[in-house]
Amino acid sequence: MWSPERESNIFDGGAPYYRCYKCRDGRYVALGAIEGQFWERFLELCGLEGEEVLRLRGDRAKWPELCARLEEIFLTRDSSEWCALTDGSDACLSLVLDFDEASRDPHAVAREAYVQLAGVVQPAPAPRFGRTPGGVGLPSPFVGEHTREILGGWGFFAAEIEDLESQGVVRHEDGGDSPQSRGPLG
């Protein structure tokens, strides 16, 4: 049942009922109505139960057609409107959040899903165990903070490392404690 082609399977964006859709406001919503009853609820709440093509969700050959139709439909309203239509239901539709929004989401805040270390918000360690809780001990290194140690460990001599630095091939930083000087993971 698995196909190696991209967007041809249920969980890789191929299924019309399990993918993200762009809305009129440029934001995206994620639809995850895998089970039939959730799909039916989604169609009902959005007033789409009369669209016959959307009833063909089980026919993989029709998936591209269904996806194209849903792309058209989602572009008719803003993301907030789609979310308001399905809020509190089993329709399995949610707003796609950017990183900052996700870290401030009430559910993520209540679950302490993000931590702040050295001024940088980052995902909290997961999974969490009751007797051996994980923790974030050190901030991420600065870009280039360990360049000399790493290259030295690989057998480079100090003169070679200095030469690589002067040519701009590698970078060494003593750091500072600003998030801007940290690596991509914060």
Protein backbone atom coordinates (compact mmCIF):
# COMPACT_ATOMS: atom_id res chain seq x y z
CA MET A 1 0.00 0.00 0.00
CA TRP A 2 3.02 2.33 0.23
CA SER A 3 4.14 4.22 -2.83
CA PRO A 4 7.64 5.76 -3.02
CA GLU A 5 6.39 8.79 -4.97
CA ARG A 6 6.09 11.98 -2.97
CA GLU A 7 2.55 13.01 -1.94
CA SER A 8 1.01 9.69 -2.92
CA ASN A 9 0.42 8.21 0.54
CA ILE A 10 -1.84 9.01 3.45
CA PHE A 11 0.76 10.66 5.70
CA ASP A 12 2.92 12.47 3.14
CA GLY A 13 0.36 14.94 1.81
CA GLY A 14 -1.17 12.65 -0.78
CA ALA A 15 -4.46 12.09 1.00
CA PRO A 16 -6.88 15.01 0.71
CA TYR A 17 -7.99 14.48 4.29
CA TYR A 18 -4.47 14.62 5.81
CA ARG A 19 -2.54 17.63 4.56
CA CYS A 20 -2.17 21.39 4.84
CA TYR A 21 -4.13 23.90 2.79
CA LYS A 22 -3.51 27.55 2.07
CA CYS A 23 -6.33 29.93 2.98
CA ARG A 24 -7.39 33.28 1.55
CA ASP A 25 -5.26 35.19 4.08
CA GLY A 26 -2.08 33.31 3.09
CA ARG A 27 -2.04 31.28 6.31
CA TYR A 28 -2.35 27.50 6.34
CA VAL A 29 -4.62 25.07 8.11
CA ALA A 30 -3.87 21.41 8.75
CA LEU A 31 -6.61 18.92 8.07
CA GLY A 32 -6.21 15.56 9.80
CA ALA A 33 -9.59 13.89 9.29
CA ILE A 34 -8.19 10.40 8.74
CA GLU A 35 -11.18 8.46 10.02
CA GLY A 36 -14.43 8.59 8.10
CA GLN A 37 -16.50 10.08 10.91
CA PHE A 38 -14.06 12.98 11.28
CA TRP A 39 -14.14 13.60 7.53
CA GLU A 40 -17.93 13.58 7.56
CA ARG A 41 -17.95 16.04 10.47
CA PHE A 42 -15.54 18.31 8.62
CA LEU A 43 -17.75 18.29 5.49
CA GLU A 44 -20.86 18.93 7.56
CA LEU A 45 -19.44 21.86 9.54
CA CYS A 46 -18.02 23.48 6.43
CA GLY A 47 -21.18 23.02 4.40
CA LEU A 48 -19.49 20.69 1.93
CA GLU A 49 -21.56 17.55 2.43
CA GLY A 50 -23.26 18.10 -0.94
CA GLU A 51 -20.00 18.03 -2.92
CA GLU A 52 -20.04 14.56 -4.49
CA VAL A 53 -16.37 14.59 -5.45
CA LEU A 54 -15.47 14.92 -1.76
CA ARG A 55 -17.32 11.67 -1.05
CA LEU A 56 -14.66 9.77 -3.04
CA ARG A 57 -11.97 10.05 -0.37
CA GLY A 58 -11.28 6.31 -0.38
CA ASP A 59 -10.42 6.23 -4.08
CA ARG A 60 -6.67 6.97 -4.36
CA ALA A 61 -7.02 7.66 -8.07
CA LYS A 62 -9.29 10.60 -7.16
CA TRP A 63 -6.98 12.08 -4.53
CA PRO A 64 -5.37 14.66 -6.84
CA GLU A 65 -8.83 15.83 -7.91
CA LEU A 66 -10.05 16.01 -4.32
CA CYS A 67 -6.93 17.87 -3.20
CA ALA A 68 -7.32 20.38 -6.03
CA ARG A 69 -10.96 20.94 -5.11
CA LEU A 70 -10.12 21.42 -1.43
CA GLU A 71 -7.34 23.84 -2.37
CA GLU A 72 -9.98 25.94 -4.19
CA ILE A 73 -12.40 25.68 -1.28
CA PHE A 74 -9.89 26.69 1.40
CA LEU A 75 -8.93 29.78 -0.60
CA THR A 76 -12.48 31.11 -0.19
CA ARG A 77 -12.07 31.98 3.50
CA ASP A 78 -9.41 33.20 5.92
CA SER A 79 -7.75 30.67 8.20
CA SER A 80 -9.48 32.16 11.23
CA GLU A 81 -12.86 31.60 9.59
CA TRP A 82 -12.06 27.93 8.86
CA CYS A 83 -10.84 27.42 12.42
CA ALA A 84 -13.94 29.12 13.86
CA LEU A 85 -16.17 26.79 11.82
CA THR A 86 -14.56 23.68 13.27
CA ASP A 87 -13.49 24.87 16.72
CA GLY A 88 -14.42 22.46 19.50
CA SER A 89 -15.46 19.72 17.07
CA ASP A 90 -14.13 16.41 15.79
CA ALA A 91 -13.40 17.92 12.37
CA CYS A 92 -9.63 17.67 12.97
CA LEU A 93 -8.71 21.06 11.53
CA SER A 94 -6.21 23.43 13.08
CA LEU A 95 -4.22 26.52 12.25
CA VAL A 96 -0.59 25.91 11.25
CA LEU A 97 1.47 27.96 13.70
CA ASP A 98 4.91 29.41 13.20
CA PHE A 99 7.54 28.74 15.85
CA ASP A 100 6.81 31.86 17.90
CA GLU A 101 3.06 31.22 17.84
CA ALA A 102 3.56 27.57 18.79
CA SER A 103 5.67 28.50 21.81
CA ARG A 104 2.92 30.87 23.03
CA ASP A 105 0.01 28.52 22.30
CA PRO A 106 -2.00 27.98 25.51
CA HIS A 107 -1.77 24.19 25.17
CA ALA A 108 2.02 24.32 24.72
CA VAL A 109 2.34 26.74 27.65
CA ALA A 110 0.24 24.51 29.92
CA ARG A 111 2.33 21.47 28.95
CA GLU A 112 5.61 23.40 29.29
CA ALA A 113 6.53 22.26 25.79
CA TYR A 114 9.10 25.04 25.36
CA VAL A 115 11.87 26.36 27.55
CA GLN A 116 14.00 29.47 27.42
CA LEU A 117 17.74 29.19 27.80
CA ALA A 118 20.12 32.14 27.45
CA GLY A 119 17.27 34.19 25.99
CA VAL A 120 16.43 31.64 23.31
CA VAL A 121 13.10 29.81 23.23
CA GLN A 122 13.49 26.15 22.26
CA PRO A 123 11.54 22.90 22.49
CA ALA A 124 11.71 21.24 25.89
CA PRO A 125 13.30 17.81 26.07
CA ALA A 126 10.95 14.99 25.15
CA PRO A 127 9.81 12.47 26.12
CA ARG A 128 9.42 13.30 29.78
CA PHE A 129 9.81 10.66 32.43
CA GLY A 130 8.56 10.95 36.01
CA ARG A 131 11.62 9.52 37.75
CA THR A 132 14.29 10.78 35.35
CA PRO A 133 13.11 14.10 33.98
CA GLY A 134 15.14 15.59 31.16
CA GLY A 135 16.48 19.07 31.30
CA VAL A 136 18.35 21.62 29.29
CA GLY A 137 21.71 22.10 30.93
CA LEU A 138 23.75 24.26 28.63
CA PRO A 139 22.88 26.74 25.95
CA SER A 140 23.66 25.84 22.36
CA PRO A 141 27.20 26.74 21.34
CA PHE A 142 27.99 29.93 19.51
CA VAL A 143 28.66 29.56 15.82
CA GLY A 144 32.37 28.75 15.67
CA GLU A 145 32.73 28.42 19.44
CA HIS A 146 34.41 24.99 19.31
CA THR A 147 36.06 25.19 15.89
CA ARG A 148 39.63 25.05 17.17
CA GLU A 149 38.96 22.17 19.58
CA ILE A 150 37.18 20.12 16.94
CA LEU A 151 39.81 20.65 14.26
CA GLY A 152 42.55 19.96 16.78
CA GLY A 153 40.80 16.73 17.72
CA TRP A 154 40.82 15.73 14.06
CA GLY A 155 44.59 16.17 13.91
CA PHE A 156 44.94 19.70 12.52
CA PHE A 157 47.89 21.69 13.84
CA ALA A 158 47.42 25.18 15.27
CA ALA A 159 49.12 26.78 12.26
CA GLU A 160 46.78 24.93 9.88
CA ILE A 161 43.75 26.04 11.86
CA GLU A 162 44.94 29.67 11.84
CA ASP A 163 45.47 29.41 8.08
CA LEU A 164 41.92 28.08 7.58
CA GLU A 165 40.56 30.92 9.73
CA SER A 166 42.51 33.58 7.82
CA GLN A 167 41.16 32.21 4.52
CA GLY A 168 37.61 32.32 5.86
CA VAL A 169 37.18 28.54 5.48
CA VAL A 170 36.32 28.14 9.17
CA ARG A 171 35.28 30.57 11.85
CA HIS A 172 36.20 30.82 15.50
CA GLU A 173 34.18 32.88 17.94
CA ASP A 174 34.74 33.44 21.61
CA GLY A 175 31.04 34.24 21.76
CA GLY A 176 28.96 36.60 23.68
CA ASP A 177 25.66 35.81 25.25
CA SER A 178 23.35 37.22 22.63
CA PRO A 179 20.91 34.90 20.83
CA GLN A 180 21.99 36.42 17.50
CA SER A 181 25.49 34.96 17.87
CA ARG A 182 24.21 31.48 18.60
CA GLY A 183 23.76 28.74 16.06
CA PRO A 184 20.54 27.97 14.21
CA LEU A 185 19.10 25.92 17.08
CA GLY A 186 19.49 28.72 19.55
